[in-house]
PDB file of N, CA and C in Angstrom:
ATOM      1  N   MET A   1     -18.030  36.848 -24.538  1.00  0.00           N
ATOM      2  CA  MET A   1     -17.821  35.952 -25.643  1.00  0.00           C
ATOM      3  C   MET A   1     -18.821  34.802 -25.568  1.00  0.00           C
ATOM      4  N   GLN A   2     -19.466  34.602 -26.695  1.00  0.00           N
ATOM      5  CA  GLN A   2     -20.498  33.565 -26.787  1.00  0.00           C
ATOM      6  C   GLN A   2     -19.938  32.354 -27.518  1.00  0.00           C
ATOM      7  N   ILE A   3     -20.317  31.190 -27.031  1.00  0.00           N
ATOM      8  CA  ILE A   3     -19.891  29.965 -27.693  1.00  0.00           C
ATOM      9  C   ILE A   3     -21.093  29.434 -28.520  1.00  0.00           C
ATOM     10  N   SER A   4     -20.789  29.125 -29.763  1.00  0.00           N
ATOM     11  CA  SER A   4     -21.837  28.667 -30.625  1.00  0.00           C
ATOM     12  C   SER A   4     -22.456  27.399 -30.065  1.00  0.00           C
ATOM     13  N   LEU A   5     -23.730  27.176 -30.496  1.00  0.00           N
ATOM     14  CA  LEU A   5     -24.485  25.965 -29.998  1.00  0.00           C
ATOM     15  C   LEU A   5     -23.730  24.649 -30.389  1.00  0.00           C
ATOM     16  N   LYS A   6     -23.237  24.612 -31.591  1.00  0.00           N
ATOM     17  CA  LYS A   6     -22.502  23.429 -31.981  1.00  0.00           C
ATOM     18  C   LYS A   6     -21.260  23.190 -31.191  1.00  0.00           C
ATOM     19  N   ARG A   7     -20.546  24.249 -30.940  1.00  0.00           N
ATOM     20  CA  ARG A   7     -19.290  24.187 -30.175  1.00  0.00           C
ATOM     21  C   ARG A   7     -19.643  23.733 -28.712  1.00  0.00           C
ATOM     22  N   ARG A   8     -20.663  24.327 -28.165  1.00  0.00           N
ATOM     23  CA  ARG A   8     -21.159  23.946 -26.814  1.00  0.00           C
ATOM     24  C   ARG A   8     -21.465  22.510 -26.712  1.00  0.00           C
ATOM     25  N   GLN A   9     -22.194  21.989 -27.718  1.00  0.00           N
ATOM     26  CA  GLN A   9     -22.649  20.590 -27.737  1.00  0.00           C
ATOM     27  C   GLN A   9     -21.388  19.708 -27.833  1.00  0.00           C
ATOM     28  N   LEU A  10     -20.422  20.087 -28.626  1.00  0.00           N
ATOM     29  CA  LEU A  10     -19.174  19.318 -28.805  1.00  0.00           C
ATOM     30  C   LEU A  10     -18.451  19.309 -27.491  1.00  0.00           C
ATOM     31  N   LEU A  11     -18.353  20.432 -26.802  1.00  0.00           N
ATOM     32  CA  LEU A  11     -17.652  20.508 -25.513  1.00  0.00           C
ATOM     33  C   LEU A  11     -18.298  19.667 -24.473  1.00  0.00           C
ATOM     34  N   ILE A  12     -19.645  19.677 -24.386  1.00  0.00           N
ATOM     35  CA  ILE A  12     -20.369  18.885 -23.433  1.00  0.00           C
ATOM     36  C   ILE A  12     -20.124  17.402 -23.731  1.00  0.00           C
ATOM     37  N   GLY A  13     -20.216  17.054 -24.989  1.00  0.00           N
ATOM     38  CA  GLY A  13     -20.034  15.643 -25.400  1.00  0.00           C
ATOM     39  C   GLY A  13     -18.656  15.121 -25.035  1.00  0.00           C
ATOM     40  N   ALA A  14     -17.610  15.962 -25.308  1.00  0.00           N
ATOM     41  CA  ALA A  14     -16.227  15.584 -25.027  1.00  0.00           C
ATOM     42  C   ALA A  14     -16.045  15.424 -23.515  1.00  0.00           C
ATOM     43  N   THR A  15     -16.663  16.352 -22.750  1.00  0.00           N
ATOM     44  CA  THR A  15     -16.536  16.291 -21.266  1.00  0.00           C
ATOM     45  C   THR A  15     -17.205  15.020 -20.763  1.00  0.00           C
ATOM     46  N   ALA A  16     -18.363  14.710 -21.249  1.00  0.00           N
ATOM     47  CA  ALA A  16     -19.070  13.463 -20.809  1.00  0.00           C
ATOM     48  C   ALA A  16     -18.290  12.249 -21.168  1.00  0.00           C
ATOM     49  N   PHE A  17     -17.714  12.214 -22.418  1.00  0.00           N
ATOM     50  CA  PHE A  17     -16.892  11.060 -22.800  1.00  0.00           C
ATOM     51  C   PHE A  17     -15.691  10.881 -21.884  1.00  0.00           C
ATOM     52  N   GLY A  18     -15.076  12.021 -21.550  1.00  0.00           N
ATOM     53  CA  GLY A  18     -13.824  11.972 -20.684  1.00  0.00           C
ATOM     54  C   GLY A  18     -14.195  11.452 -19.299  1.00  0.00           C
ATOM     55  N   LEU A  19     -15.299  11.912 -18.744  1.00  0.00           N
ATOM     56  CA  LEU A  19     -15.723  11.451 -17.475  1.00  0.00           C
ATOM     57  C   LEU A  19     -16.082  10.032 -17.479  1.00  0.00           C
ATOM     58  N   SER A  20     -16.757   9.598 -18.508  1.00  0.00           N
ATOM     59  CA  SER A  20     -17.136   8.189 -18.680  1.00  0.00           C
ATOM     60  C   SER A  20     -15.898   7.257 -18.782  1.00  0.00           C
ATOM     61  N   ALA A  21     -14.890   7.685 -19.501  1.00  0.00           N
ATOM     62  CA  ALA A  21     -13.685   6.928 -19.640  1.00  0.00           C
ATOM     63  C   ALA A  21     -12.957   6.850 -18.337  1.00  0.00           C
ATOM     64  N   LEU A  22     -12.924   7.994 -17.642  1.00  0.00           N
ATOM     65  CA  LEU A  22     -12.236   8.071 -16.304  1.00  0.00           C
ATOM     66  C   LEU A  22     -12.958   7.146 -15.331  1.00  0.00           C
ATOM     67  N   SER A  23     -14.231   7.148 -15.324  1.00  0.00           N
ATOM     68  CA  SER A  23     -15.065   6.315 -14.435  1.00  0.00           C
ATOM     69  C   SER A  23     -14.802   4.849 -14.738  1.00  0.00           C
ATOM     70  N   ALA A  24     -14.818   4.494 -15.984  1.00  0.00           N
ATOM     71  CA  ALA A  24     -14.555   3.084 -16.385  1.00  0.00           C
ATOM     72  C   ALA A  24     -13.186   2.646 -15.929  1.00  0.00           C
ATOM     73  N   TYR A  25     -12.185   3.511 -16.065  1.00  0.00           N
ATOM     74  CA  TYR A  25     -10.839   3.216 -15.625  1.00  0.00           C
ATOM     75  C   TYR A  25     -10.775   2.961 -14.113  1.00  0.00           C
ATOM     76  N   ALA A  26     -11.419   3.867 -13.376  1.00  0.00           N
ATOM     77  CA  ALA A  26     -11.449   3.805 -11.888  1.00  0.00           C
ATOM     78  C   ALA A  26     -12.083   2.524 -11.408  1.00  0.00           C
ATOM     79  N   PHE A  27     -13.196   2.118 -12.094  1.00  0.00           N
ATOM     80  CA  PHE A  27     -13.895   0.886 -11.643  1.00  0.00           C
ATOM     81  C   PHE A  27     -13.174  -0.322 -12.081  1.00  0.00           C
ATOM     82  N   SER A  28     -12.317  -0.241 -13.111  1.00  0.00           N
ATOM     83  CA  SER A  28     -11.618  -1.474 -13.541  1.00  0.00           C
ATOM     84  C   SER A  28     -10.413  -1.829 -12.677  1.00  0.00           C
ATOM     85  N   GLN A  29      -9.930  -0.841 -11.885  1.00  0.00           N
ATOM     86  CA  GLN A  29      -8.774  -1.090 -10.977  1.00  0.00           C
ATOM     87  C   GLN A  29      -9.254  -1.838  -9.780  1.00  0.00           C
ATOM     88  N   PRO A  30      -8.493  -2.896  -9.334  1.00  0.00           N
ATOM     89  CA  PRO A  30      -8.893  -3.580  -8.160  1.00  0.00           C
ATOM     90  C   PRO A  30      -8.767  -2.735  -6.923  1.00  0.00           C
ATOM     91  N   GLU A  31      -9.624  -2.936  -5.955  1.00  0.00           N
ATOM     92  CA  GLU A  31      -9.629  -2.223  -4.696  1.00  0.00           C
ATOM     93  C   GLU A  31      -8.345  -2.721  -3.937  1.00  0.00           C
ATOM     94  N   PRO A  32      -7.622  -1.770  -3.284  1.00  0.00           N
ATOM     95  CA  PRO A  32      -6.481  -2.211  -2.513  1.00  0.00           C
ATOM     96  C   PRO A  32      -6.894  -3.113  -1.292  1.00  0.00           C
ATOM     97  N   ASN A  33      -6.141  -4.106  -1.049  1.00  0.00           N
ATOM     98  CA  ASN A  33      -6.358  -4.917   0.112  1.00  0.00           C
ATOM     99  C   ASN A  33      -5.673  -4.236   1.305  1.00  0.00           C
ATOM    100  N   VAL A  34      -6.350  -3.977   2.426  1.00  0.00           N
ATOM    101  CA  VAL A  34      -5.815  -3.313   3.556  1.00  0.00           C
ATOM    102  C   VAL A  34      -5.399  -4.336   4.575  1.00  0.00           C
ATOM    103  N   ILE A  35      -4.108  -4.322   5.018  1.00  0.00           N
ATOM    104  CA  ILE A  35      -3.602  -5.187   6.003  1.00  0.00           C
ATOM    105  C   ILE A  35      -3.121  -4.398   7.235  1.00  0.00           C
ATOM    106  N   LYS A  36      -3.652  -4.685   8.364  1.00  0.00           N
ATOM    107  CA  LYS A  36      -3.258  -4.003   9.611  1.00  0.00           C
ATOM    108  C   LYS A  36      -2.128  -4.709  10.276  1.00  0.00           C
ATOM    109  N   ILE A  37      -1.039  -4.065  10.590  1.00  0.00           N
ATOM    110  CA  ILE A  37       0.122  -4.682  11.201  1.00  0.00           C
ATOM    111  C   ILE A  37       0.535  -3.924  12.472  1.00  0.00           C
ATOM    112  N   THR A  38       0.648  -4.587  13.528  1.00  0.00           N
ATOM    113  CA  THR A  38       1.052  -3.960  14.808  1.00  0.00           C
ATOM    114  C   THR A  38       2.504  -4.341  15.079  1.00  0.00           C
ATOM    115  N   ALA A  39       3.282  -3.319  15.372  1.00  0.00           N
ATOM    116  CA  ALA A  39       4.678  -3.492  15.701  1.00  0.00           C
ATOM    117  C   ALA A  39       4.847  -3.270  17.206  1.00  0.00           C
ATOM    118  N   MET A  40       5.582  -4.187  17.872  1.00  0.00           N
ATOM    119  CA  MET A  40       5.943  -4.005  19.241  1.00  0.00           C
ATOM    120  C   MET A  40       7.370  -4.582  19.430  1.00  0.00           C
ATOM    121  N   ARG A  41       8.022  -4.258  20.494  1.00  0.00           N
ATOM    122  CA  ARG A  41       9.398  -4.711  20.553  1.00  0.00           C
ATOM    123  C   ARG A  41       9.611  -6.158  20.140  1.00  0.00           C
ATOM    124  N   PHE A  42      10.428  -6.300  19.139  1.00  0.00           N
ATOM    125  CA  PHE A  42      10.906  -7.559  18.587  1.00  0.00           C
ATOM    126  C   PHE A  42       9.855  -8.450  17.899  1.00  0.00           C
ATOM    127  N   ASP A  43       8.700  -7.845  17.478  1.00  0.00           N
ATOM    128  CA  ASP A  43       7.665  -8.626  16.837  1.00  0.00           C
ATOM    129  C   ASP A  43       6.737  -7.758  15.963  1.00  0.00           C
ATOM    130  N   TYR A  44       6.330  -8.317  14.852  1.00  0.00           N
ATOM    131  CA  TYR A  44       5.200  -7.786  14.019  1.00  0.00           C
ATOM    132  C   TYR A  44       4.051  -8.766  14.157  1.00  0.00           C
ATOM    133  N   SER A  45       2.868  -8.211  14.233  1.00  0.00           N
ATOM    134  CA  SER A  45       1.680  -9.044  14.263  1.00  0.00           C
ATOM    135  C   SER A  45       0.716  -8.537  13.229  1.00  0.00           C
ATOM    136  N   PRO A  46       0.422  -9.333  12.190  1.00  0.00           N
ATOM    137  CA  PRO A  46       0.961 -10.648  11.882  1.00  0.00           C
ATOM    138  C   PRO A  46       2.389 -10.535  11.326  1.00  0.00           C
ATOM    139  N   ASN A  47       3.094 -11.642  11.402  1.00  0.00           N
ATOM    140  CA  ASN A  47       4.437 -11.642  10.832  1.00  0.00           C
ATOM    141  C   ASN A  47       4.471 -12.514   9.579  1.00  0.00           C
ATOM    142  N   GLN A  48       3.351 -13.018   9.095  1.00  0.00           N
ATOM    143  CA  GLN A  48       3.239 -13.716   7.880  1.00  0.00           C
ATOM    144  C   GLN A  48       2.005 -13.190   7.156  1.00  0.00           C
ATOM    145  N   ILE A  49       2.210 -12.625   5.962  1.00  0.00           N
ATOM    146  CA  ILE A  49       1.134 -12.005   5.238  1.00  0.00           C
ATOM    147  C   ILE A  49       1.023 -12.635   3.853  1.00  0.00           C
ATOM    148  N   HIS A  50      -0.176 -12.937   3.458  1.00  0.00           N
ATOM    149  CA  HIS A  50      -0.416 -13.540   2.155  1.00  0.00           C
ATOM    150  C   HIS A  50      -1.020 -12.437   1.220  1.00  0.00           C
ATOM    151  N   LEU A  51      -0.418 -12.288   0.070  1.00  0.00           N
ATOM    152  CA  LEU A  51      -0.982 -11.304  -0.916  1.00  0.00           C
ATOM    153  C   LEU A  51      -1.061 -11.979  -2.264  1.00  0.00           C
ATOM    154  N   LYS A  52      -1.791 -11.316  -3.207  1.00  0.00           N
ATOM    155  CA  LYS A  52      -1.946 -11.807  -4.547  1.00  0.00           C
ATOM    156  C   LYS A  52      -1.160 -10.891  -5.439  1.00  0.00           C
ATOM    157  N   LYS A  53      -0.469 -11.492  -6.446  1.00  0.00           N
ATOM    158  CA  LYS A  53       0.291 -10.738  -7.461  1.00  0.00           C
ATOM    159  C   LYS A  53      -0.640  -9.805  -8.222  1.00  0.00           C
ATOM    160  N   ASP A  54      -0.151  -8.579  -8.420  1.00  0.00           N
ATOM    161  CA  ASP A  54      -0.808  -7.521  -9.187  1.00  0.00           C
ATOM    162  C   ASP A  54      -2.095  -7.000  -8.529  1.00  0.00           C
ATOM    163  N   VAL A  55      -2.321  -7.276  -7.252  1.00  0.00           N
ATOM    164  CA  VAL A  55      -3.432  -6.723  -6.505  1.00  0.00           C
ATOM    165  C   VAL A  55      -2.826  -5.673  -5.503  1.00  0.00           C
ATOM    166  N   PRO A  56      -3.274  -4.417  -5.695  1.00  0.00           N
ATOM    167  CA  PRO A  56      -2.758  -3.337  -4.797  1.00  0.00           C
ATOM    168  C   PRO A  56      -3.020  -3.653  -3.306  1.00  0.00           C
ATOM    169  N   VAL A  57      -2.076  -3.295  -2.519  1.00  0.00           N
ATOM    170  CA  VAL A  57      -2.231  -3.461  -1.024  1.00  0.00           C
ATOM    171  C   VAL A  57      -1.793  -2.204  -0.277  1.00  0.00           C
ATOM    172  N   VAL A  58      -2.519  -2.005   0.811  1.00  0.00           N
ATOM    173  CA  VAL A  58      -2.131  -0.882   1.724  1.00  0.00           C
ATOM    174  C   VAL A  58      -1.768  -1.542   3.091  1.00  0.00           C
ATOM    175  N   LEU A  59      -0.581  -1.354   3.529  1.00  0.00           N
ATOM    176  CA  LEU A  59      -0.143  -1.804   4.858  1.00  0.00           C
ATOM    177  C   LEU A  59      -0.353  -0.700   5.825  1.00  0.00           C
ATOM    178  N   GLU A  60      -1.197  -0.929   6.880  1.00  0.00           N
ATOM    179  CA  GLU A  60      -1.376   0.050   7.920  1.00  0.00           C
ATOM    180  C   GLU A  60      -0.675  -0.385   9.146  1.00  0.00           C
ATOM    181  N   PHE A  61       0.266   0.447   9.659  1.00  0.00           N
ATOM    182  CA  PHE A  61       1.117   0.109  10.790  1.00  0.00           C
ATOM    183  C   PHE A  61       0.745   0.939  11.997  1.00  0.00           C
ATOM    184  N   THR A  62       0.817   0.308  13.173  1.00  0.00           N
ATOM    185  CA  THR A  62       0.820   1.041  14.457  1.00  0.00           C
ATOM    186  C   THR A  62       1.938   0.421  15.285  1.00  0.00           C
ATOM    187  N   SER A  63       2.500   1.222  16.219  1.00  0.00           N
ATOM    188  CA  SER A  63       3.495   0.727  17.159  1.00  0.00           C
ATOM    189  C   SER A  63       2.948   0.821  18.527  1.00  0.00           C
ATOM    190  N   LEU A  64       3.089  -0.175  19.317  1.00  0.00           N
ATOM    191  CA  LEU A  64       2.591  -0.180  20.674  1.00  0.00           C
ATOM    192  C   LEU A  64       3.563   0.428  21.705  1.00  0.00           C
ATOM    193  N   ASP A  65       4.889   0.572  21.334  1.00  0.00           N
ATOM    194  CA  ASP A  65       5.760   1.009  22.350  1.00  0.00           C
ATOM    195  C   ASP A  65       6.779   2.077  21.877  1.00  0.00           C
ATOM    196  N   ILE A  66       7.677   1.733  20.931  1.00  0.00           N
ATOM    197  CA  ILE A  66       8.692   2.711  20.505  1.00  0.00           C
ATOM    198  C   ILE A  66       8.701   2.845  19.030  1.00  0.00           C
ATOM    199  N   VAL A  67       9.538   3.723  18.484  1.00  0.00           N
ATOM    200  CA  VAL A  67       9.634   3.919  17.049  1.00  0.00           C
ATOM    201  C   VAL A  67      10.277   2.674  16.423  1.00  0.00           C
ATOM    202  N   MET A  68       9.669   2.125  15.411  1.00  0.00           N
ATOM    203  CA  MET A  68      10.128   0.955  14.710  1.00  0.00           C
ATOM    204  C   MET A  68      10.321   1.343  13.292  1.00  0.00           C
ATOM    205  N   GLY A  69      10.898   0.445  12.507  1.00  0.00           N
ATOM    206  CA  GLY A  69      11.052   0.556  11.093  1.00  0.00           C
ATOM    207  C   GLY A  69      10.389  -0.633  10.458  1.00  0.00           C
ATOM    208  N   PHE A  70      10.096  -0.487   9.120  1.00  0.00           N
ATOM    209  CA  PHE A  70       9.633  -1.568   8.354  1.00  0.00           C
ATOM    210  C   PHE A  70      10.361  -1.494   7.021  1.00  0.00           C
ATOM    211  N   SER A  71      10.994  -2.575   6.621  1.00  0.00           N
ATOM    212  CA  SER A  71      11.704  -2.631   5.381  1.00  0.00           C
ATOM    213  C   SER A  71      11.381  -3.914   4.593  1.00  0.00           C
ATOM    214  N   LEU A  72      10.885  -3.732   3.388  1.00  0.00           N
ATOM    215  CA  LEU A  72      10.590  -4.872   2.485  1.00  0.00           C
ATOM    216  C   LEU A  72      11.377  -4.608   1.222  1.00  0.00           C
ATOM    217  N   PRO A  73      12.730  -4.972   1.251  1.00  0.00           N
ATOM    218  CA  PRO A  73      13.611  -4.541   0.181  1.00  0.00           C
ATOM    219  C   PRO A  73      13.229  -5.053  -1.208  1.00  0.00           C
ATOM    220  N   ASP A  74      12.623  -6.226  -1.287  1.00  0.00           N
ATOM    221  CA  ASP A  74      12.330  -6.801  -2.656  1.00  0.00           C
ATOM    222  C   ASP A  74      11.301  -5.933  -3.396  1.00  0.00           C
ATOM    223  N   PHE A  75      10.562  -5.118  -2.707  1.00  0.00           N
ATOM    224  CA  PHE A  75       9.531  -4.247  -3.339  1.00  0.00           C
ATOM    225  C   PHE A  75       9.821  -2.776  -3.141  1.00  0.00           C
ATOM    226  N   ASN A  76      11.035  -2.555  -2.606  1.00  0.00           N
ATOM    227  CA  ASN A  76      11.462  -1.164  -2.362  1.00  0.00           C
ATOM    228  C   ASN A  76      10.480  -0.368  -1.466  1.00  0.00           C
ATOM    229  N   VAL A  77      10.019  -1.100  -0.451  1.00  0.00           N
ATOM    230  CA  VAL A  77       9.021  -0.481   0.523  1.00  0.00           C
ATOM    231  C   VAL A  77       9.747  -0.317   1.858  1.00  0.00           C
ATOM    232  N   ARG A  78       9.596   0.946   2.388  1.00  0.00           N
ATOM    233  CA  ARG A  78      10.218   1.290   3.672  1.00  0.00           C
ATOM    234  C   ARG A  78       9.477   2.384   4.374  1.00  0.00           C
ATOM    235  N   THR A  79       9.332   2.312   5.653  1.00  0.00           N
ATOM    236  CA  THR A  79       8.699   3.403   6.452  1.00  0.00           C
ATOM    237  C   THR A  79       9.125   3.327   7.910  1.00  0.00           C
ATOM    238  N   ASP A  80       8.907   4.402   8.624  1.00  0.00           N
ATOM    239  CA  ASP A  80       9.004   4.476  10.052  1.00  0.00           C
ATOM    240  C   ASP A  80       7.656   4.210  10.645  1.00  0.00           C
ATOM    241  N   ILE A  81       7.588   3.581  11.785  1.00  0.00           N
ATOM    242  CA  ILE A  81       6.345   3.313  12.477  1.00  0.00           C
ATOM    243  C   ILE A  81       6.470   4.032  13.869  1.00  0.00           C
ATOM    244  N   ILE A  82       5.650   5.066  14.048  1.00  0.00           N
ATOM    245  CA  ILE A  82       5.753   5.933  15.215  1.00  0.00           C
ATOM    246  C   ILE A  82       4.600   5.653  16.159  1.00  0.00           C
ATOM    247  N   PRO A  83       4.858   5.449  17.406  1.00  0.00           N
ATOM    248  CA  PRO A  83       3.781   5.189  18.417  1.00  0.00           C
ATOM    249  C   PRO A  83       2.721   6.304  18.329  1.00  0.00           C
ATOM    250  N   GLY A  84       1.453   5.865  18.420  1.00  0.00           N
ATOM    251  CA  GLY A  84       0.360   6.818  18.441  1.00  0.00           C
ATOM    252  C   GLY A  84      -0.050   7.328  17.060  1.00  0.00           C
ATOM    253  N   MET A  85       0.656   6.923  16.023  1.00  0.00           N
ATOM    254  CA  MET A  85       0.301   7.357  14.663  1.00  0.00           C
ATOM    255  C   MET A  85       0.024   6.181  13.787  1.00  0.00           C
ATOM    256  N   LEU A  86      -0.867   6.304  12.848  1.00  0.00           N
ATOM    257  CA  LEU A  86      -1.165   5.331  11.830  1.00  0.00           C
ATOM    258  C   LEU A  86      -0.216   5.617  10.677  1.00  0.00           C
ATOM    259  N   THR A  87       0.495   4.619  10.257  1.00  0.00           N
ATOM    260  CA  THR A  87       1.402   4.801   9.085  1.00  0.00           C
ATOM    261  C   THR A  87       0.888   3.908   7.974  1.00  0.00           C
ATOM    262  N   ARG A  88       0.745   4.434   6.788  1.00  0.00           N
ATOM    263  CA  ARG A  88       0.214   3.655   5.664  1.00  0.00           C
ATOM    264  C   ARG A  88       1.269   3.682   4.495  1.00  0.00           C
ATOM    265  N   VAL A  89       1.479   2.500   3.935  1.00  0.00           N
ATOM    266  CA  VAL A  89       2.299   2.411   2.714  1.00  0.00           C
ATOM    267  C   VAL A  89       1.505   1.539   1.711  1.00  0.00           C
ATOM    268  N   SER A  90       1.551   1.957   0.467  1.00  0.00           N
ATOM    269  CA  SER A  90       0.851   1.247  -0.624  1.00  0.00           C
ATOM    270  C   SER A  90       1.854   0.711  -1.611  1.00  0.00           C
ATOM    271  N   PHE A  91       1.591  -0.468  -2.100  1.00  0.00           N
ATOM    272  CA  PHE A  91       2.329  -1.036  -3.209  1.00  0.00           C
ATOM    273  C   PHE A  91       1.563  -2.150  -3.864  1.00  0.00           C
ATOM    274  N   THR A  92       1.997  -2.525  -5.025  1.00  0.00           N
ATOM    275  CA  THR A  92       1.383  -3.606  -5.798  1.00  0.00           C
ATOM    276  C   THR A  92       2.456  -4.650  -6.007  1.00  0.00           C
ATOM    277  N   PRO A  93       2.319  -5.863  -5.412  1.00  0.00           N
ATOM    278  CA  PRO A  93       3.262  -6.888  -5.562  1.00  0.00           C
ATOM    279  C   PRO A  93       3.286  -7.352  -7.034  1.00  0.00           C
ATOM    280  N   ASP A  94       4.381  -7.268  -7.716  1.00  0.00           N
ATOM    281  CA  ASP A  94       4.504  -7.589  -9.146  1.00  0.00           C
ATOM    282  C   ASP A  94       5.266  -8.896  -9.410  1.00  0.00           C
ATOM    283  N   LYS A  95       5.581  -9.632  -8.355  1.00  0.00           N
ATOM    284  CA  LYS A  95       6.268 -10.916  -8.546  1.00  0.00           C
ATOM    285  C   LYS A  95       5.764 -11.854  -7.417  1.00  0.00           C
ATOM    286  N   MET A  96       5.881 -13.167  -7.734  1.00  0.00           N
ATOM    287  CA  MET A  96       5.443 -14.165  -6.761  1.00  0.00           C
ATOM    288  C   MET A  96       6.624 -14.746  -6.028  1.00  0.00           C
ATOM    289  N   GLY A  97       6.352 -15.234  -4.815  1.00  0.00           N
ATOM    290  CA  GLY A  97       7.400 -15.842  -3.999  1.00  0.00           C
ATOM    291  C   GLY A  97       7.235 -15.445  -2.555  1.00  0.00           C
ATOM    292  N   GLU A  98       8.291 -15.733  -1.752  1.00  0.00           N
ATOM    293  CA  GLU A  98       8.353 -15.394  -0.341  1.00  0.00           C
ATOM    294  C   GLU A  98       9.401 -14.265  -0.166  1.00  0.00           C
ATOM    295  N   PHE A  99       9.013 -13.213   0.461  1.00  0.00           N
ATOM    296  CA  PHE A  99       9.857 -12.017   0.620  1.00  0.00           C
ATOM    297  C   PHE A  99       9.923 -11.591   2.104  1.00  0.00           C
ATOM    298  N   LEU A 100      11.139 -11.534   2.551  1.00  0.00           N
ATOM    299  CA  LEU A 100      11.370 -11.199   3.953  1.00  0.00           C
ATOM    300  C   LEU A 100      11.265  -9.703   4.197  1.00  0.00           C
ATOM    301  N   PHE A 101      10.687  -9.310   5.380  1.00  0.00           N
ATOM    302  CA  PHE A 101      10.683  -7.935   5.838  1.00  0.00           C
ATOM    303  C   PHE A 101      11.299  -7.902   7.209  1.00  0.00           C
ATOM    304  N   HIS A 102      11.759  -6.744   7.637  1.00  0.00           N
ATOM    305  CA  HIS A 102      12.431  -6.611   8.926  1.00  0.00           C
ATOM    306  C   HIS A 102      12.370  -5.164   9.450  1.00  0.00           C
ATOM    307  N   CYS A 103      12.588  -5.098  10.717  1.00  0.00           N
ATOM    308  CA  CYS A 103      12.709  -3.776  11.415  1.00  0.00           C
ATOM    309  C   CYS A 103      14.129  -3.282  11.042  1.00  0.00           C
ATOM    310  N   ASP A 104      14.175  -2.005  10.588  1.00  0.00           N
ATOM    311  CA  ASP A 104      15.480  -1.453  10.314  1.00  0.00           C
ATOM    312  C   ASP A 104      15.836  -0.280  11.167  1.00  0.00           C
ATOM    313  N   ILE A 105      15.151  -0.074  12.310  1.00  0.00           N
ATOM    314  CA  ILE A 105      15.546   0.883  13.303  1.00  0.00           C
ATOM    315  C   ILE A 105      15.833   0.077  14.628  1.00  0.00           C
ATOM    316  N   PHE A 106      17.061   0.167  15.122  1.00  0.00           N
ATOM    317  CA  PHE A 106      17.456  -0.611  16.280  1.00  0.00           C
ATOM    318  C   PHE A 106      16.449  -0.344  17.462  1.00  0.00           C
ATOM    319  N   CYS A 107      15.886  -1.441  17.992  1.00  0.00           N
ATOM    320  CA  CYS A 107      14.856  -1.274  19.051  1.00  0.00           C
ATOM    321  C   CYS A 107      15.262  -2.056  20.313  1.00  0.00           C
ATOM    322  N   GLY A 108      16.507  -2.447  20.422  1.00  0.00           N
ATOM    323  CA  GLY A 108      16.949  -3.076  21.635  1.00  0.00           C
ATOM    324  C   GLY A 108      17.425  -4.568  21.381  1.00  0.00           C
ATOM    325  N   ALA A 109      17.801  -5.235  22.475  1.00  0.00           N
ATOM    326  CA  ALA A 109      18.206  -6.619  22.382  1.00  0.00           C
ATOM    327  C   ALA A 109      17.056  -7.469  21.833  1.00  0.00           C
ATOM    328  N   GLY A 110      17.242  -8.211  20.799  1.00  0.00           N
ATOM    329  CA  GLY A 110      16.106  -8.939  20.165  1.00  0.00           C
ATOM    330  C   GLY A 110      15.720  -8.326  18.861  1.00  0.00           C
ATOM    331  N   HIS A 111      16.269  -7.128  18.556  1.00  0.00           N
ATOM    332  CA  HIS A 111      15.917  -6.409  17.277  1.00  0.00           C
ATOM    333  C   HIS A 111      16.133  -7.274  16.066  1.00  0.00           C
ATOM    334  N   GLU A 112      17.282  -8.024  16.040  1.00  0.00           N
ATOM    335  CA  GLU A 112      17.588  -8.826  14.880  1.00  0.00           C
ATOM    336  C   GLU A 112      16.582  -9.920  14.603  1.00  0.00           C
ATOM    337  N   ASP A 113      15.738 -10.258  15.578  1.00  0.00           N
ATOM    338  CA  ASP A 113      14.683 -11.294  15.409  1.00  0.00           C
ATOM    339  C   ASP A 113      13.369 -10.743  14.887  1.00  0.00           C
ATOM    340  N   MET A 114      13.270  -9.366  14.729  1.00  0.00           N
ATOM    341  CA  MET A 114      12.019  -8.735  14.363  1.00  0.00           C
ATOM    342  C   MET A 114      11.903  -8.738  12.872  1.00  0.00           C
ATOM    343  N   THR A 115      11.408  -9.866  12.383  1.00  0.00           N
ATOM    344  CA  THR A 115      11.233 -10.159  10.921  1.00  0.00           C
ATOM    345  C   THR A 115       9.862 -10.770  10.644  1.00  0.00           C
ATOM    346  N   GLY A 116       9.617 -10.843   9.390  1.00  0.00           N
ATOM    347  CA  GLY A 116       8.419 -11.477   8.860  1.00  0.00           C
ATOM    348  C   GLY A 116       8.538 -11.817   7.409  1.00  0.00           C
ATOM    349  N   VAL A 117       7.473 -12.409   6.867  1.00  0.00           N
ATOM    350  CA  VAL A 117       7.519 -12.832   5.506  1.00  0.00           C
ATOM    351  C   VAL A 117       6.196 -12.452   4.802  1.00  0.00           C
ATOM    352  N   ILE A 118       6.328 -11.940   3.572  1.00  0.00           N
ATOM    353  CA  ILE A 118       5.169 -11.787   2.709  1.00  0.00           C
ATOM    354  C   ILE A 118       5.202 -12.805   1.644  1.00  0.00           C
ATOM    355  N   ILE A 119       4.068 -13.517   1.542  1.00  0.00           N
ATOM    356  CA  ILE A 119       4.002 -14.611   0.529  1.00  0.00           C
ATOM    357  C   ILE A 119       3.015 -14.144  -0.569  1.00  0.00           C
ATOM    358  N   VAL A 120       3.534 -14.017  -1.789  1.00  0.00           N
ATOM    359  CA  VAL A 120       2.777 -13.532  -2.880  1.00  0.00           C
ATOM    360  C   VAL A 120       2.468 -14.712  -3.803  1.00  0.00           C
ATOM    361  N   GLY A 121       1.132 -14.945  -3.995  1.00  0.00           N
ATOM    362  CA  GLY A 121       0.727 -16.036  -4.885  1.00  0.00           C
ATOM    363  C   GLY A 121      -0.157 -15.442  -6.070  1.00  0.00           C
ATOM    364  N   ALA A 122      -0.614 -16.378  -6.882  1.00  0.00           N
ATOM    365  CA  ALA A 122      -1.439 -15.999  -8.016  1.00  0.00           C
ATOM    366  C   ALA A 122      -2.830 -15.639  -7.583  1.00  0.00           C
TER     367      ALA A 122
END
């Protein structure tokens, strides 16, 4: 089956336009901010994180000792943090303020103090 020259030109033009639009969309999106967080018994480091509203973020977790949890209820973000593995979660903060996060897997005496805060500004 042969495609006519006019149809071929139209197809090439439409494909080029689509790729151009996709490229423009990809470049208009802000790059995610990557924050590295280390979990160890009863502590996150850092335990205070500053973010900007509507800027995507990737939280990268490592655990130095045992399985931990991370829960940021105000943004519906939750993950397990397993020793020896890099755990990544992505989200875009869509509201400003101070939001508490905590470990939600019991890790021993002191577990209840394993908390932190994310501060989202303009």
